[in-house]
Amino acid sequence: GPFKIDDVPSGKWQIKVALFHNRYTASPVDVSVSGQTPVQNVNVEIV
């Protein structure tokens, strides 16, 4: 579902998900954060 992470410094990051189910995985998503501009609507798919 929805997530929110505050106070992220500027730079390039990868969003990752730690799962406790061996049959599923989530591919990392690359994001760039610049200044105080919010980064929104980032979707991470579990397959």
ModelCIF file with pLDDT and N, C-alpha, C, O atoms, coordinates in Angstrom:
data_MODEL
#
_entry.id   MODEL 
#
_entity.id                         1 
_entity.type                       polymer 
_entity.pdbx_number_of_molecules   1 
#
_entity_poly.entity_id                      1 
_entity_poly.type                           'polypeptide(L)' 
_entity_poly.nstd_linkage                   no 
_entity_poly.nstd_monomer                   no 
_entity_poly.pdbx_seq_one_letter_code       GPFKIDDVPSGKWQIKVALFHNRYTASPVDVSVSGQTPVQNVNVEIV 
_entity_poly.pdbx_seq_one_letter_code_can   GPFKIDDVPSGKWQIKVALFHNRYTASPVDVSVSGQTPVQNVNVEIV 
_entity_poly.pdbx_strand_id                 A 
#
loop_
_entity_poly_seq.entity_id 
_entity_poly_seq.num 
_entity_poly_seq.mon_id 
_entity_poly_seq.hetero 
1 1  GLY n 
1 2  PRO n 
1 3  PHE n 
1 4  LYS n 
1 5  ILE n 
1 6  ASP n 
1 7  ASP n 
1 8  VAL n 
1 9  PRO n 
1 10 SER n 
1 11 GLY n 
1 12 LYS n 
1 13 TRP n 
1 14 GLN n 
1 15 ILE n 
1 16 LYS n 
1 17 VAL n 
1 18 ALA n 
1 19 LEU n 
1 20 PHE n 
1 21 HIS n 
1 22 ASN n 
1 23 ARG n 
1 24 TYR n 
1 25 THR n 
1 26 ALA n 
1 27 SER n 
1 28 PRO n 
1 29 VAL n 
1 30 ASP n 
1 31 VAL n 
1 32 SER n 
1 33 VAL n 
1 34 SER n 
1 35 GLY n 
1 36 GLN n 
1 37 THR n 
1 38 PRO n 
1 39 VAL n 
1 40 GLN n 
1 41 ASN n 
1 42 VAL n 
1 43 ASN n 
1 44 VAL n 
1 45 GLU n 
1 46 ILE n 
1 47 VAL n 
#
_struct_asym.id          A 
_struct_asym.entity_id   1 
#
loop_
_ma_qa_metric.id 
_ma_qa_metric.mode 
_ma_qa_metric.name 
_ma_qa_metric.software_group_id 
_ma_qa_metric.type 
1 global pLDDT . pLDDT 
2 local  pLDDT . pLDDT 
#
_ma_qa_metric_global.metric_id      1 
_ma_qa_metric_global.metric_value   90.96 
_ma_qa_metric_global.model_id       1 
_ma_qa_metric_global.ordinal_id     1 
#
loop_
_ma_qa_metric_local.label_asym_id 
_ma_qa_metric_local.label_comp_id 
_ma_qa_metric_local.label_seq_id 
_ma_qa_metric_local.metric_id 
_ma_qa_metric_local.metric_value 
_ma_qa_metric_local.model_id 
_ma_qa_metric_local.ordinal_id 
A GLY 1  2 93.00 1 1  
A PRO 2  2 95.00 1 2  
A PHE 3  2 95.00 1 3  
A LYS 4  2 95.00 1 4  
A ILE 5  2 94.00 1 5  
A ASP 6  2 92.00 1 6  
A ASP 7  2 89.00 1 7  
A VAL 8  2 89.00 1 8  
A PRO 9  2 87.00 1 9  
A SER 10 2 87.00 1 10 
A GLY 11 2 88.00 1 11 
A LYS 12 2 90.00 1 12 
A TRP 13 2 93.00 1 13 
A GLN 14 2 94.00 1 14 
A ILE 15 2 95.00 1 15 
A LYS 16 2 95.00 1 16 
A VAL 17 2 95.00 1 17 
A ALA 18 2 92.00 1 18 
A LEU 19 2 89.00 1 19 
A PHE 20 2 84.00 1 20 
A HIS 21 2 82.00 1 21 
A ASN 22 2 82.00 1 22 
A ARG 23 2 88.00 1 23 
A TYR 24 2 90.00 1 24 
A THR 25 2 91.00 1 25 
A ALA 26 2 92.00 1 26 
A SER 27 2 91.00 1 27 
A PRO 28 2 94.00 1 28 
A VAL 29 2 95.00 1 29 
A ASP 30 2 94.00 1 30 
A VAL 31 2 93.00 1 31 
A SER 32 2 91.00 1 32 
A VAL 33 2 90.00 1 33 
A SER 34 2 87.00 1 34 
A GLY 35 2 84.00 1 35 
A GLN 36 2 87.00 1 36 
A THR 37 2 89.00 1 37 
A PRO 38 2 90.00 1 38 
A VAL 39 2 91.00 1 39 
A GLN 40 2 93.00 1 40 
A ASN 41 2 93.00 1 41 
A VAL 42 2 94.00 1 42 
A ASN 43 2 94.00 1 43 
A VAL 44 2 94.00 1 44 
A GLU 45 2 94.00 1 45 
A ILE 46 2 92.00 1 46 
A VAL 47 2 89.00 1 47 
#
loop_
_atom_site.group_PDB 
_atom_site.id 
_atom_site.type_symbol 
_atom_site.label_atom_id 
_atom_site.label_alt_id 
_atom_site.label_comp_id 
_atom_site.label_asym_id 
_atom_site.label_entity_id 
_atom_site.label_seq_id 
_atom_site.pdbx_PDB_ins_code 
_atom_site.Cartn_x 
_atom_site.Cartn_y 
_atom_site.Cartn_z 
_atom_site.occupancy 
_atom_site.B_iso_or_equiv 
_atom_site.pdbx_formal_charge 
_atom_site.auth_seq_id 
_atom_site.auth_comp_id 
_atom_site.auth_asym_id 
_atom_site.auth_atom_id 
_atom_site.pdbx_PDB_model_num 
ATOM 1   N N  . GLY A 1 1  ? 0.830  -1.198  0.000  1.00 93.00 ? 1  GLY A N  1 
ATOM 2   C CA . GLY A 1 1  ? 0.000  0.000   0.000  1.00 93.00 ? 1  GLY A CA 1 
ATOM 3   C C  . GLY A 1 1  ? 0.861  1.244   0.000  1.00 93.00 ? 1  GLY A C  1 
ATOM 4   O O  . GLY A 1 1  ? 2.043  1.181   -0.341 1.00 93.00 ? 1  GLY A O  1 
ATOM 5   N N  . PRO A 1 2  ? 0.276  2.396   0.385  1.00 95.00 ? 2  PRO A N  1 
ATOM 6   C CA . PRO A 1 2  ? 1.004  3.669   0.352  1.00 95.00 ? 2  PRO A CA 1 
ATOM 7   C C  . PRO A 1 2  ? 2.158  3.704   1.348  1.00 95.00 ? 2  PRO A C  1 
ATOM 8   O O  . PRO A 1 2  ? 2.102  3.085   2.411  1.00 95.00 ? 2  PRO A O  1 
ATOM 9   N N  . PHE A 1 3  ? 3.202  4.440   0.982  1.00 95.00 ? 3  PHE A N  1 
ATOM 10  C CA . PHE A 1 3  ? 4.313  4.682   1.905  1.00 95.00 ? 3  PHE A CA 1 
ATOM 11  C C  . PHE A 1 3  ? 4.765  6.123   1.771  1.00 95.00 ? 3  PHE A C  1 
ATOM 12  O O  . PHE A 1 3  ? 4.517  6.774   0.756  1.00 95.00 ? 3  PHE A O  1 
ATOM 13  N N  . LYS A 1 4  ? 5.433  6.614   2.809  1.00 95.00 ? 4  LYS A N  1 
ATOM 14  C CA . LYS A 1 4  ? 5.959  7.974   2.817  1.00 95.00 ? 4  LYS A CA 1 
ATOM 15  C C  . LYS A 1 4  ? 7.239  7.998   3.635  1.00 95.00 ? 4  LYS A C  1 
ATOM 16  O O  . LYS A 1 4  ? 7.276  7.490   4.756  1.00 95.00 ? 4  LYS A O  1 
ATOM 17  N N  . ILE A 1 5  ? 8.285  8.585   3.077  1.00 94.00 ? 5  ILE A N  1 
ATOM 18  C CA . ILE A 1 5  ? 9.568  8.693   3.765  1.00 94.00 ? 5  ILE A CA 1 
ATOM 19  C C  . ILE A 1 5  ? 9.971  10.166  3.766  1.00 94.00 ? 5  ILE A C  1 
ATOM 20  O O  . ILE A 1 5  ? 10.138 10.765  2.703  1.00 94.00 ? 5  ILE A O  1 
ATOM 21  N N  . ASP A 1 6  ? 10.126 10.747  4.948  1.00 92.00 ? 6  ASP A N  1 
ATOM 22  C CA . ASP A 1 6  ? 10.426 12.171  5.084  1.00 92.00 ? 6  ASP A CA 1 
ATOM 23  C C  . ASP A 1 6  ? 11.921 12.438  5.180  1.00 92.00 ? 6  ASP A C  1 
ATOM 24  O O  . ASP A 1 6  ? 12.719 11.546  5.465  1.00 92.00 ? 6  ASP A O  1 
ATOM 25  N N  . ASP A 1 7  ? 12.277 13.705  4.931  1.00 89.00 ? 7  ASP A N  1 
ATOM 26  C CA . ASP A 1 7  ? 13.640 14.221  5.170  1.00 89.00 ? 7  ASP A CA 1 
ATOM 27  C C  . ASP A 1 7  ? 14.710 13.487  4.375  1.00 89.00 ? 7  ASP A C  1 
ATOM 28  O O  . ASP A 1 7  ? 15.794 13.213  4.889  1.00 89.00 ? 7  ASP A O  1 
ATOM 29  N N  . VAL A 1 8  ? 14.402 13.165  3.111  1.00 89.00 ? 8  VAL A N  1 
ATOM 30  C CA . VAL A 1 8  ? 15.361 12.459  2.250  1.00 89.00 ? 8  VAL A CA 1 
ATOM 31  C C  . VAL A 1 8  ? 16.319 13.473  1.621  1.00 89.00 ? 8  VAL A C  1 
ATOM 32  O O  . VAL A 1 8  ? 15.857 14.386  0.936  1.00 89.00 ? 8  VAL A O  1 
ATOM 33  N N  . PRO A 1 9  ? 17.627 13.350  1.824  1.00 87.00 ? 9  PRO A N  1 
ATOM 34  C CA . PRO A 1 9  ? 18.585 14.294  1.238  1.00 87.00 ? 9  PRO A CA 1 
ATOM 35  C C  . PRO A 1 9  ? 18.636 14.195  -0.290 1.00 87.00 ? 9  PRO A C  1 
ATOM 36  O O  . PRO A 1 9  ? 18.263 13.178  -0.875 1.00 87.00 ? 9  PRO A O  1 
ATOM 37  N N  . SER A 1 10 ? 19.103 15.268  -0.915 1.00 87.00 ? 10 SER A N  1 
ATOM 38  C CA . SER A 1 10 ? 19.256 15.278  -2.366 1.00 87.00 ? 10 SER A CA 1 
ATOM 39  C C  . SER A 1 10 ? 20.233 14.199  -2.814 1.00 87.00 ? 10 SER A C  1 
ATOM 40  O O  . SER A 1 10 ? 21.188 13.873  -2.109 1.00 87.00 ? 10 SER A O  1 
ATOM 41  N N  . GLY A 1 11 ? 19.975 13.652  -4.002 1.00 88.00 ? 11 GLY A N  1 
ATOM 42  C CA . GLY A 1 11 ? 20.856 12.635  -4.556 1.00 88.00 ? 11 GLY A CA 1 
ATOM 43  C C  . GLY A 1 11 ? 20.066 11.573  -5.289 1.00 88.00 ? 11 GLY A C  1 
ATOM 44  O O  . GLY A 1 11 ? 18.843 11.651  -5.409 1.00 88.00 ? 11 GLY A O  1 
ATOM 45  N N  . LYS A 1 12 ? 20.791 10.579  -5.776 1.00 90.00 ? 12 LYS A N  1 
ATOM 46  C CA . LYS A 1 12 ? 20.163 9.456   -6.462 1.00 90.00 ? 12 LYS A CA 1 
ATOM 47  C C  . LYS A 1 12 ? 20.054 8.284   -5.501 1.00 90.00 ? 12 LYS A C  1 
ATOM 48  O O  . LYS A 1 12 ? 21.006 7.931   -4.805 1.00 90.00 ? 12 LYS A O  1 
ATOM 49  N N  . TRP A 1 13 ? 18.863 7.693   -5.484 1.00 93.00 ? 13 TRP A N  1 
ATOM 50  C CA . TRP A 1 13 ? 18.570 6.617   -4.543 1.00 93.00 ? 13 TRP A CA 1 
ATOM 51  C C  . TRP A 1 13 ? 17.883 5.467   -5.264 1.00 93.00 ? 13 TRP A C  1 
ATOM 52  O O  . TRP A 1 13 ? 17.322 5.636   -6.346 1.00 93.00 ? 13 TRP A O  1 
ATOM 53  N N  . GLN A 1 14 ? 17.939 4.316   -4.653 1.00 94.00 ? 14 GLN A N  1 
ATOM 54  C CA . GLN A 1 14 ? 17.129 3.181   -5.092 1.00 94.00 ? 14 GLN A CA 1 
ATOM 55  C C  . GLN A 1 14 ? 16.142 2.839   -3.992 1.00 94.00 ? 14 GLN A C  1 
ATOM 56  O O  . GLN A 1 14 ? 16.510 2.719   -2.824 1.00 94.00 ? 14 GLN A O  1 
ATOM 57  N N  . ILE A 1 15 ? 14.872 2.682   -4.383 1.00 95.00 ? 15 ILE A N  1 
ATOM 58  C CA . ILE A 1 15 ? 13.864 2.219   -3.442 1.00 95.00 ? 15 ILE A CA 1 
ATOM 59  C C  . ILE A 1 15 ? 13.835 0.698   -3.502 1.00 95.00 ? 15 ILE A C  1 
ATOM 60  O O  . ILE A 1 15 ? 13.686 0.111   -4.573 1.00 95.00 ? 15 ILE A O  1 
ATOM 61  N N  . LYS A 1 16 ? 13.980 0.069   -2.343 1.00 95.00 ? 16 LYS A N  1 
ATOM 62  C CA . LYS A 1 16 ? 13.959 -1.386  -2.269 1.00 95.00 ? 16 LYS A CA 1 
ATOM 63  C C  . LYS A 1 16 ? 12.937 -1.825  -1.227 1.00 95.00 ? 16 LYS A C  1 
ATOM 64  O O  . LYS A 1 16 ? 12.560 -1.054  -0.345 1.00 95.00 ? 16 LYS A O  1 
ATOM 65  N N  . VAL A 1 17 ? 12.498 -3.068  -1.344 1.00 95.00 ? 17 VAL A N  1 
ATOM 66  C CA . VAL A 1 17 ? 11.518 -3.617  -0.412 1.00 95.00 ? 17 VAL A CA 1 
ATOM 67  C C  . VAL A 1 17 ? 12.056 -4.927  0.146  1.00 95.00 ? 17 VAL A C  1 
ATOM 68  O O  . VAL A 1 17 ? 12.427 -5.823  -0.612 1.00 95.00 ? 17 VAL A O  1 
ATOM 69  N N  . ALA A 1 18 ? 12.098 -5.038  1.458  1.00 92.00 ? 18 ALA A N  1 
ATOM 70  C CA . ALA A 1 18 ? 12.464 -6.298  2.113  1.00 92.00 ? 18 ALA A CA 1 
ATOM 71  C C  . ALA A 1 18 ? 11.190 -7.102  2.319  1.00 92.00 ? 18 ALA A C  1 
ATOM 72  O O  . ALA A 1 18 ? 10.259 -6.649  2.985  1.00 92.00 ? 18 ALA A O  1 
ATOM 73  N N  . LEU A 1 19 ? 11.155 -8.300  1.740  1.00 89.00 ? 19 LEU A N  1 
ATOM 74  C CA . LEU A 1 19 ? 9.989  -9.178  1.822  1.00 89.00 ? 19 LEU A CA 1 
ATOM 75  C C  . LEU A 1 19 ? 10.326 -10.400 2.661  1.00 89.00 ? 19 LEU A C  1 
ATOM 76  O O  . LEU A 1 19 ? 11.474 -10.843 2.695  1.00 89.00 ? 19 LEU A O  1 
ATOM 77  N N  . PHE A 1 20 ? 9.323  -10.940 3.334  1.00 84.00 ? 20 PHE A N  1 
ATOM 78  C CA . PHE A 1 20 ? 9.529  -12.131 4.148  1.00 84.00 ? 20 PHE A CA 1 
ATOM 79  C C  . PHE A 1 20 ? 8.869  -13.352 3.523  1.00 84.00 ? 20 PHE A C  1 
ATOM 80  O O  . PHE A 1 20 ? 8.637  -14.355 4.197  1.00 84.00 ? 20 PHE A O  1 
ATOM 81  N N  . HIS A 1 21 ? 8.568  -13.262 2.230  1.00 82.00 ? 21 HIS A N  1 
ATOM 82  C CA . HIS A 1 21 ? 7.950  -14.370 1.504  1.00 82.00 ? 21 HIS A CA 1 
ATOM 83  C C  . HIS A 1 21 ? 8.876  -14.752 0.357  1.00 82.00 ? 21 HIS A C  1 
ATOM 84  O O  . HIS A 1 21 ? 9.152  -13.933 -0.520 1.00 82.00 ? 21 HIS A O  1 
ATOM 85  N N  . ASN A 1 22 ? 9.352  -15.983 0.360  1.00 82.00 ? 22 ASN A N  1 
ATOM 86  C CA . ASN A 1 22 ? 10.366 -16.403 -0.606 1.00 82.00 ? 22 ASN A CA 1 
ATOM 87  C C  . ASN A 1 22 ? 9.869  -16.473 -2.037 1.00 82.00 ? 22 ASN A C  1 
ATOM 88  O O  . ASN A 1 22 ? 10.681 -16.485 -2.963 1.00 82.00 ? 22 ASN A O  1 
ATOM 89  N N  . ARG A 1 23 ? 8.561  -16.519 -2.250 1.00 88.00 ? 23 ARG A N  1 
ATOM 90  C CA . ARG A 1 23 ? 8.034  -16.674 -3.609 1.00 88.00 ? 23 ARG A CA 1 
ATOM 91  C C  . ARG A 1 23 ? 7.857  -15.354 -4.342 1.00 88.00 ? 23 ARG A C  1 
ATOM 92  O O  . ARG A 1 23 ? 7.503  -15.343 -5.521 1.00 88.00 ? 23 ARG A O  1 
ATOM 93  N N  . TYR A 1 24 ? 8.103  -14.228 -3.649 1.00 90.00 ? 24 TYR A N  1 
ATOM 94  C CA . TYR A 1 24 ? 7.866  -12.931 -4.261 1.00 90.00 ? 24 TYR A CA 1 
ATOM 95  C C  . TYR A 1 24 ? 9.118  -12.059 -4.186 1.00 90.00 ? 24 TYR A C  1 
ATOM 96  O O  . TYR A 1 24 ? 9.994  -12.268 -3.347 1.00 90.00 ? 24 TYR A O  1 
ATOM 97  N N  . THR A 1 25 ? 9.177  -11.082 -5.082 1.00 91.00 ? 25 THR A N  1 
ATOM 98  C CA . THR A 1 25 ? 10.305 -10.164 -5.125 1.00 91.00 ? 25 THR A CA 1 
ATOM 99  C C  . THR A 1 25 ? 9.826  -8.799  -5.602 1.00 91.00 ? 25 THR A C  1 
ATOM 100 O O  . THR A 1 25 ? 8.755  -8.681  -6.197 1.00 91.00 ? 25 THR A O  1 
ATOM 101 N N  . ALA A 1 26 ? 10.620 -7.775  -5.339 1.00 92.00 ? 26 ALA A N  1 
ATOM 102 C CA . ALA A 1 26 ? 10.320 -6.423  -5.804 1.00 92.00 ? 26 ALA A CA 1 
ATOM 103 C C  . ALA A 1 26 ? 11.578 -5.853  -6.438 1.00 92.00 ? 26 ALA A C  1 
ATOM 104 O O  . ALA A 1 26 ? 12.636 -5.816  -5.810 1.00 92.00 ? 26 ALA A O  1 
ATOM 105 N N  . SER A 1 27 ? 11.460 -5.408  -7.689 1.00 91.00 ? 27 SER A N  1 
ATOM 106 C CA . SER A 1 27 ? 12.613 -4.831  -8.385 1.00 91.00 ? 27 SER A CA 1 
ATOM 107 C C  . SER A 1 27 ? 12.893 -3.434  -7.843 1.00 91.00 ? 27 SER A C  1 
ATOM 108 O O  . SER A 1 27 ? 11.951 -2.677  -7.607 1.00 91.00 ? 27 SER A O  1 
ATOM 109 N N  . PRO A 1 28 ? 14.164 -3.068  -7.638 1.00 94.00 ? 28 PRO A N  1 
ATOM 110 C CA . PRO A 1 28 ? 14.493 -1.712  -7.168 1.00 94.00 ? 28 PRO A CA 1 
ATOM 111 C C  . PRO A 1 28 ? 14.012 -0.649  -8.147 1.00 94.00 ? 28 PRO A C  1 
ATOM 112 O O  . PRO A 1 28 ? 13.965 -0.876  -9.356 1.00 94.00 ? 28 PRO A O  1 
ATOM 113 N N  . VAL A 1 29 ? 13.662 0.498   -7.614 1.00 95.00 ? 29 VAL A N  1 
ATOM 114 C CA . VAL A 1 29 ? 13.215 1.633   -8.430 1.00 95.00 ? 29 VAL A CA 1 
ATOM 115 C C  . VAL A 1 29 ? 14.173 2.789   -8.191 1.00 95.00 ? 29 VAL A C  1 
ATOM 116 O O  . VAL A 1 29 ? 14.395 3.180   -7.045 1.00 95.00 ? 29 VAL A O  1 
ATOM 117 N N  . ASP A 1 30 ? 14.753 3.349   -9.274 1.00 94.00 ? 30 ASP A N  1 
ATOM 118 C CA . ASP A 1 30 ? 15.669 4.480   -9.169 1.00 94.00 ? 30 ASP A CA 1 
ATOM 119 C C  . ASP A 1 30 ? 14.887 5.784   -9.061 1.00 94.00 ? 30 ASP A C  1 
ATOM 120 O O  . ASP A 1 30 ? 13.937 6.014   -9.809 1.00 94.00 ? 30 ASP A O  1 
ATOM 121 N N  . VAL A 1 31 ? 15.296 6.632   -8.125 1.00 93.00 ? 31 VAL A N  1 
ATOM 122 C CA . VAL A 1 31 ? 14.675 7.950   -7.979 1.00 93.00 ? 31 VAL A CA 1 
ATOM 123 C C  . VAL A 1 31 ? 15.765 8.986   -7.752 1.00 93.00 ? 31 VAL A C  1 
ATOM 124 O O  . VAL A 1 31 ? 16.845 8.671   -7.251 1.00 93.00 ? 31 VAL A O  1 
ATOM 125 N N  . SER A 1 32 ? 15.468 10.230  -8.127 1.00 91.00 ? 32 SER A N  1 
ATOM 126 C CA . SER A 1 32 ? 16.365 11.354  -7.876 1.00 91.00 ? 32 SER A CA 1 
ATOM 127 C C  . SER A 1 32 ? 15.638 12.366  -7.005 1.00 91.00 ? 32 SER A C  1 
ATOM 128 O O  . SER A 1 32 ? 14.495 12.732  -7.283 1.00 91.00 ? 32 SER A O  1 
ATOM 129 N N  . VAL A 1 33 ? 16.297 12.809  -5.966 1.00 90.00 ? 33 VAL A N  1 
ATOM 130 C CA . VAL A 1 33 ? 15.734 13.800  -5.056 1.00 90.00 ? 33 VAL A CA 1 
ATOM 131 C C  . VAL A 1 33 ? 16.550 15.072  -5.195 1.00 90.00 ? 33 VAL A C  1 
ATOM 132 O O  . VAL A 1 33 ? 17.780 15.036  -5.154 1.00 90.00 ? 33 VAL A O  1 
ATOM 133 N N  . SER A 1 34 ? 15.863 16.200  -5.361 1.00 87.00 ? 34 SER A N  1 
ATOM 134 C CA . SER A 1 34 ? 16.545 17.481  -5.541 1.00 87.00 ? 34 SER A CA 1 
ATOM 135 C C  . SER A 1 34 ? 15.932 18.522  -4.625 1.00 87.00 ? 34 SER A C  1 
ATOM 136 O O  . SER A 1 34 ? 14.760 18.876  -4.756 1.00 87.00 ? 34 SER A O  1 
ATOM 137 N N  . GLY A 1 35 ? 16.743 19.008  -3.693 1.00 84.00 ? 35 GLY A N  1 
ATOM 138 C CA . GLY A 1 35 ? 16.282 20.060  -2.802 1.00 84.00 ? 35 GLY A CA 1 
ATOM 139 C C  . GLY A 1 35 ? 15.069 19.652  -1.993 1.00 84.00 ? 35 GLY A C  1 
ATOM 140 O O  . GLY A 1 35 ? 15.006 18.545  -1.459 1.00 84.00 ? 35 GLY A O  1 
ATOM 141 N N  . GLN A 1 36 ? 14.085 20.574  -1.907 1.00 87.00 ? 36 GLN A N  1 
ATOM 142 C CA . GLN A 1 36 ? 12.877 20.335  -1.136 1.00 87.00 ? 36 GLN A CA 1 
ATOM 143 C C  . GLN A 1 36 ? 11.697 19.923  -2.010 1.00 87.00 ? 36 GLN A C  1 
ATOM 144 O O  . GLN A 1 36 ? 10.561 19.871  -1.539 1.00 87.00 ? 36 GLN A O  1 
ATOM 145 N N  . THR A 1 37 ? 11.964 19.631  -3.276 1.00 89.00 ? 37 THR A N  1 
ATOM 146 C CA . THR A 1 37 ? 10.884 19.239  -4.179 1.00 89.00 ? 37 THR A CA 1 
ATOM 147 C C  . THR A 1 37 ? 10.419 17.824  -3.853 1.00 89.00 ? 37 THR A C  1 
ATOM 148 O O  . THR A 1 37 ? 11.227 16.896  -3.904 1.00 89.00 ? 37 THR A O  1 
ATOM 149 N N  . PRO A 1 38 ? 9.141  17.625  -3.517 1.00 90.00 ? 38 PRO A N  1 
ATOM 150 C CA . PRO A 1 38 ? 8.658  16.280  -3.179 1.00 90.00 ? 38 PRO A CA 1 
ATOM 151 C C  . PRO A 1 38 ? 8.732  15.338  -4.379 1.00 90.00 ? 38 PRO A C  1 
ATOM 152 O O  . PRO A 1 38 ? 8.531  15.755  -5.520 1.00 90.00 ? 38 PRO A O  1 
ATOM 153 N N  . VAL A 1 39 ? 9.017  14.095  -4.115 1.00 91.00 ? 39 VAL A N  1 
ATOM 154 C CA . VAL A 1 39 ? 8.963  13.043  -5.127 1.00 91.00 ? 39 VAL A CA 1 
ATOM 155 C C  . VAL A 1 39 ? 7.735  12.203  -4.802 1.00 91.00 ? 39 VAL A C  1 
ATOM 156 O O  . VAL A 1 39 ? 7.657  11.596  -3.734 1.00 91.00 ? 39 VAL A O  1 
ATOM 157 N N  . GLN A 1 40 ? 6.775  12.170  -5.724 1.00 93.00 ? 40 GLN A N  1 
ATOM 158 C CA . GLN A 1 40 ? 5.490  11.551  -5.431 1.00 93.00 ? 40 GLN A CA 1 
ATOM 159 C C  . GLN A 1 40 ? 5.129  10.482  -6.455 1.00 93.00 ? 40 GLN A C  1 
ATOM 160 O O  . GLN A 1 40 ? 5.721  10.387  -7.530 1.00 93.00 ? 40 GLN A O  1 
ATOM 161 N N  . ASN A 1 41 ? 4.138  9.685   -6.082 1.00 93.00 ? 41 ASN A N  1 
ATOM 162 C CA . ASN A 1 41 ? 3.535  8.690   -6.992 1.00 93.00 ? 41 ASN A CA 1 
ATOM 163 C C  . ASN A 1 41 ? 4.561  7.700   -7.548 1.00 93.00 ? 41 ASN A C  1 
ATOM 164 O O  . ASN A 1 41 ? 4.522  7.337   -8.723 1.00 93.00 ? 41 ASN A O  1 
ATOM 165 N N  . VAL A 1 42 ? 5.466  7.279   -6.690 1.00 94.00 ? 42 VAL A N  1 
ATOM 166 C CA . VAL A 1 42 ? 6.444  6.266   -7.095 1.00 94.00 ? 42 VAL A CA 1 
ATOM 167 C C  . VAL A 1 42 ? 5.848  4.891   -6.810 1.00 94.00 ? 42 VAL A C  1 
ATOM 168 O O  . VAL A 1 42 ? 5.480  4.594   -5.674 1.00 94.00 ? 42 VAL A O  1 
ATOM 169 N N  . ASN A 1 43 ? 5.755  4.063   -7.832 1.00 94.00 ? 43 ASN A N  1 
ATOM 170 C CA . ASN A 1 43 ? 5.174  2.734   -7.679 1.00 94.00 ? 43 ASN A CA 1 
ATOM 171 C C  . ASN A 1 43 ? 6.253  1.660   -7.640 1.00 94.00 ? 43 ASN A C  1 
ATOM 172 O O  . ASN A 1 43 ? 7.148  1.636   -8.485 1.00 94.00 ? 43 ASN A O  1 
ATOM 173 N N  . VAL A 1 44 ? 6.161  0.783   -6.666 1.00 94.00 ? 44 VAL A N  1 
ATOM 174 C CA . VAL A 1 44 ? 7.065  -0.360  -6.547 1.00 94.00 ? 44 VAL A CA 1 
ATOM 175 C C  . VAL A 1 44 ? 6.224  -1.618  -6.674 1.00 94.00 ? 44 VAL A C  1 
ATOM 176 O O  . VAL A 1 44 ? 5.308  -1.835  -5.880 1.00 94.00 ? 44 VAL A O  1 
ATOM 177 N N  . GLU A 1 45 ? 6.523  -2.444  -7.660 1.00 94.00 ? 45 GLU A N  1 
ATOM 178 C CA . GLU A 1 45 ? 5.714  -3.617  -7.949 1.00 94.00 ? 45 GLU A CA 1 
ATOM 179 C C  . GLU A 1 45 ? 6.315  -4.865  -7.300 1.00 94.00 ? 45 GLU A C  1 
ATOM 180 O O  . GLU A 1 45 ? 7.507  -5.140  -7.440 1.00 94.00 ? 45 GLU A O  1 
ATOM 181 N N  . ILE A 1 46 ? 5.477  -5.605  -6.595 1.00 92.00 ? 46 ILE A N  1 
ATOM 182 C CA . ILE A 1 46 ? 5.848  -6.911  -6.080 1.00 92.00 ? 46 ILE A CA 1 
ATOM 183 C C  . ILE A 1 46 ? 5.297  -7.964  -7.021 1.00 92.00 ? 46 ILE A C  1 
ATOM 184 O O  . ILE A 1 46 ? 4.104  -7.967  -7.323 1.00 92.00 ? 46 ILE A O  1 
ATOM 185 N N  . VAL A 1 47 ? 6.154  -8.857  -7.485 1.00 89.00 ? 47 VAL A N  1 
ATOM 186 C CA . VAL A 1 47 ? 5.724  -9.881  -8.439 1.00 89.00 ? 47 VAL A CA 1 
ATOM 187 C C  . VAL A 1 47 ? 6.206  -11.249 -7.975 1.00 89.00 ? 47 VAL A C  1 
ATOM 188 O O  . VAL A 1 47 ? 5.949  -12.252 -8.640 1.00 89.00 ? 47 VAL A O  1 
#
